[in-house]
Structures are given as C-alpha cells and as structure tokens.
Protein backbone atom coordinates (compact mmCIF):
# COMPACT_ATOMS: atom_id res chain seq x y z
CA MET A 1 1.10 -19.81 5.19
CA GLN A 2 -0.59 -17.12 7.33
CA THR A 3 -1.00 -13.78 5.76
CA GLN A 4 0.84 -10.94 7.54
CA VAL A 5 -0.76 -7.53 7.97
CA GLU A 6 1.52 -4.46 8.69
CA PHE A 7 -0.27 -1.39 9.90
CA PHE A 8 1.54 1.82 9.94
CA VAL A 9 0.16 4.54 12.09
CA LEU A 10 0.87 7.95 10.75
CA PRO A 11 1.52 10.94 12.78
CA ASP A 12 -1.50 12.81 14.24
CA THR A 13 -0.99 16.18 12.63
CA GLU A 14 -3.00 17.75 10.03
CA ALA A 15 -0.02 18.25 7.70
CA GLU A 16 0.62 14.43 7.86
CA SER A 17 -2.97 13.37 7.20
CA ASN A 18 -2.52 12.31 3.64
CA ASN A 19 0.98 11.11 4.03
CA TYR A 20 -0.25 7.57 3.59
CA LEU A 21 0.09 7.96 -0.11
CA LEU A 22 3.71 8.90 0.15
CA GLN A 23 4.25 6.18 2.68
CA ALA A 24 2.74 3.68 0.09
CA CYS A 25 5.34 4.89 -2.28
CA VAL A 26 8.12 4.46 0.18
CA HIS A 27 7.02 0.84 0.94
CA ALA A 28 6.71 0.18 -2.87
CA ALA A 29 10.24 1.37 -3.51
CA ASN A 30 11.58 -0.82 -0.58
CA LEU A 31 9.70 -3.87 -1.94
CA TYR A 32 11.14 -3.33 -5.45
CA ARG A 33 14.55 -2.97 -4.12
CA GLN A 34 14.06 -6.43 -2.43
CA ASN A 35 12.85 -7.77 -5.79
CA ILE A 36 9.24 -8.29 -4.41
CA ARG A 37 6.35 -7.51 -6.53
CA ALA A 38 3.43 -5.76 -5.15
CA TYR A 39 -0.05 -4.52 -6.02
CA ILE A 40 -1.18 -1.11 -4.87
CA TYR A 41 -4.97 -1.16 -4.58
CA THR A 42 -6.49 2.25 -4.71
CA GLU A 43 -9.90 3.71 -3.88
CA ASP A 44 -10.58 4.73 -7.45
CA LEU A 45 -9.06 5.74 -10.85
CA GLU A 46 -8.15 9.22 -9.75
CA GLN A 47 -6.24 7.91 -6.73
CA ALA A 48 -4.46 5.30 -9.09
CA HIS A 49 -3.31 8.18 -11.26
CA HIS A 50 -2.20 10.13 -8.38
CA ILE A 51 -0.04 7.14 -7.07
CA ASP A 52 1.35 6.60 -10.51
CA GLU A 53 2.54 10.34 -10.56
CA LEU A 54 3.92 10.18 -7.04
CA LEU A 55 6.06 7.07 -7.88
CA TRP A 56 7.69 9.06 -10.72
CA SER A 57 8.32 12.14 -8.30
CA PHE A 58 8.53 11.26 -4.71
CA ASP A 59 12.31 10.57 -4.70
CA PRO A 60 14.51 11.84 -7.49
CA GLN A 61 17.17 9.19 -6.94
CA ALA A 62 14.63 6.31 -6.81
CA PHE A 63 13.33 4.55 -9.98
CA VAL A 64 10.38 2.24 -9.08
CA PRO A 65 9.14 0.41 -12.32
CA HIS A 66 5.44 0.48 -12.15
CA ASN A 67 2.31 0.62 -14.27
CA LEU A 68 -1.48 0.80 -13.98
CA VAL A 69 -3.44 -2.23 -14.52
CA GLY A 70 -3.73 -2.97 -18.25
CA GLU A 71 -0.66 -0.76 -19.19
CA GLY A 72 2.87 -2.06 -19.56
CA PRO A 73 4.19 -5.49 -20.03
CA LYS A 74 1.87 -8.57 -20.06
CA GLN A 75 2.86 -9.58 -16.54
CA GLY A 76 2.88 -5.97 -15.30
CA ALA A 77 5.70 -4.03 -13.86
CA ALA A 78 7.31 -4.79 -10.44
CA ILE A 79 4.65 -2.53 -8.88
CA GLU A 80 1.21 -2.48 -10.26
CA ILE A 81 -1.50 -0.05 -9.45
CA GLY A 82 -5.30 -0.23 -9.77
CA HIS A 83 -8.59 0.29 -8.31
CA GLN A 84 -9.96 -3.04 -9.62
CA PRO A 85 -8.96 -6.70 -8.51
CA PRO A 86 -5.49 -7.49 -9.69
CA GLN A 87 -4.99 -9.40 -12.65
CA ASN A 88 -1.45 -10.83 -11.81
CA ARG A 89 -0.58 -12.69 -8.72
CA ARG A 90 1.85 -10.93 -6.29
CA PRO A 91 2.91 -11.69 -2.77
CA VAL A 92 2.18 -8.13 -1.32
CA LEU A 93 -0.78 -5.91 -1.52
CA ILE A 94 -0.46 -2.31 -0.46
CA ASN A 95 -4.02 -1.31 0.51
CA LEU A 96 -5.09 2.38 0.12
CA THR A 97 -8.85 1.76 0.28
CA THR A 98 -11.25 2.24 3.15
CA GLN A 99 -12.29 -1.43 2.94
CA VAL A 100 -10.77 -4.92 3.15
CA PRO A 101 -10.52 -5.99 -0.57
CA ASN A 102 -12.45 -9.31 -1.13
CA PHE A 103 -9.32 -10.74 -2.81
CA VAL A 104 -6.91 -10.32 0.23
CA ASN A 105 -6.67 -14.14 0.91
CA GLN A 106 -4.29 -14.34 -2.07
CA TYR A 107 -1.48 -12.35 -0.39
CA GLN A 108 1.32 -13.43 1.80
CA GLN A 109 1.68 -9.72 3.26
CA ILE A 110 -0.59 -6.75 3.24
CA ILE A 111 0.56 -3.25 4.03
CA ASP A 112 -2.15 -0.93 5.39
CA PHE A 113 -2.21 2.58 6.89
CA VAL A 114 -3.89 4.40 9.76
CA PRO A 115 -4.03 8.10 8.68
CA ALA A 116 -4.64 10.88 11.26
CA GLU A 117 -8.03 12.09 9.90
CA ASN A 118 -10.72 10.71 12.18
CA GLN A 119 -12.82 9.25 9.39
CA LEU A 120 -10.03 7.42 7.92
CA LYS A 121 -8.77 6.28 11.25
CA GLN A 122 -12.22 4.80 11.96
CA HIS A 123 -12.07 2.85 8.55
CA ALA A 124 -8.58 1.50 9.60
CA ARG A 125 -9.95 0.22 12.90
CA GLU A 126 -12.78 -1.56 11.00
CA ARG A 127 -10.12 -3.12 8.61
CA PHE A 128 -8.02 -4.19 11.56
CA LYS A 129 -11.14 -5.94 13.08
CA GLN A 130 -11.84 -7.71 9.78
CA TYR A 131 -8.18 -8.81 9.14
CA ARG A 132 -8.15 -10.12 12.70
CA ALA A 133 -11.48 -12.12 12.05
CA MET A 134 -9.98 -13.64 9.05
CA GLY A 135 -7.21 -14.93 11.20
CA PHE A 136 -4.32 -12.87 9.81
CA ALA A 137 -1.33 -12.04 11.86
CA ILE A 138 -1.20 -8.30 12.47
CA ASN A 139 1.62 -5.95 13.48
CA THR A 140 1.34 -2.32 14.10
CA HIS A 141 4.23 0.18 13.73
CA GLN A 142 4.55 3.94 14.09
CA ALA A 143 5.25 5.50 10.57
CA LYS A 144 8.38 7.60 10.61
CA LYS A 145 7.93 11.08 9.26
CA GLU A 146 10.83 11.02 6.96
CA GLN A 147 11.04 7.29 6.37
CA ALA A 148 14.18 6.61 4.32
CA ILE A 149 13.79 4.63 1.11
CA THR A 150 16.38 2.04 2.14
CA GLU A 151 14.39 1.06 5.30
CA ASN A 152 12.31 -2.18 5.51
C-alpha cells in the first residue's frame, strides 16, 4: 500500500502562523472519532508537552485519549505524542517537525502542515520534495481557519 501524505496549507496571516499545533489537535480528534490510532511526532520535548496540554483544552466538548511516549497504557492511548521514534505501530503520523522522520515508511498516512511563517514554509517545501522522491502520494488542502472537530 502506498503511503498517503496530506499537506494542510495554513492561512497566510501572522495570527495564524502557529495554528498548525491546533490543527494537529483537530486532526487527532477526528482520527480518534474514526477509531484510528495516530502518533504525533514533535520537534522536541517542550513541543510534545505543549501538544499534550492543547489536547486537553482545545475543545471543551472533545475528549481525546492521549499520552506522551512511555506514559499511560503499555500499547499507548489512541493518540501518542513524542519527539523520538514511536514505540508502537500506528497507521497515521502527524508530523510537526521540520524534517521528514526516518521512520515514515511504516505509516499508511502522514498529516503534515505548511505554516505561514517563511522559514517553516520553506521546510514544508523540502519535506514535500522528500515525500515525492520517496514515491508517496501527496494531496494538498487549504486548512480552514475554524475547522470543525467532526470534519475529516
């Protein structure tokens, strides 16, 4: 099965430049509601803790079972967060790093973002090229400013 990469282009406004973290939470919630397990790969431990906190608070009506790598149940919660390679296999990777992780081949789907900030946008272009060179199928979408939890 060919890996599918979904790039979400965020609005080009300064206020929306870090919205990719919130978008990651929205996608994680959508995956959980579809009973799909995912790994959120972060740049570092600080970002992992930030995503952990966002998942508790981004939508008061949404409960998304999640944990940091090494915490929680042995097989991890539905959504696992970490800045190191995953310990458990999952079908979906949500990539929040500036690089293409060296373990991407184990995923059926990768969710990635194109933030508005120029440096992060350039990193996204490089990831796009790498994914394409790896033979992955790539789709690009415009991220909605207020994307509903129930959307796919």
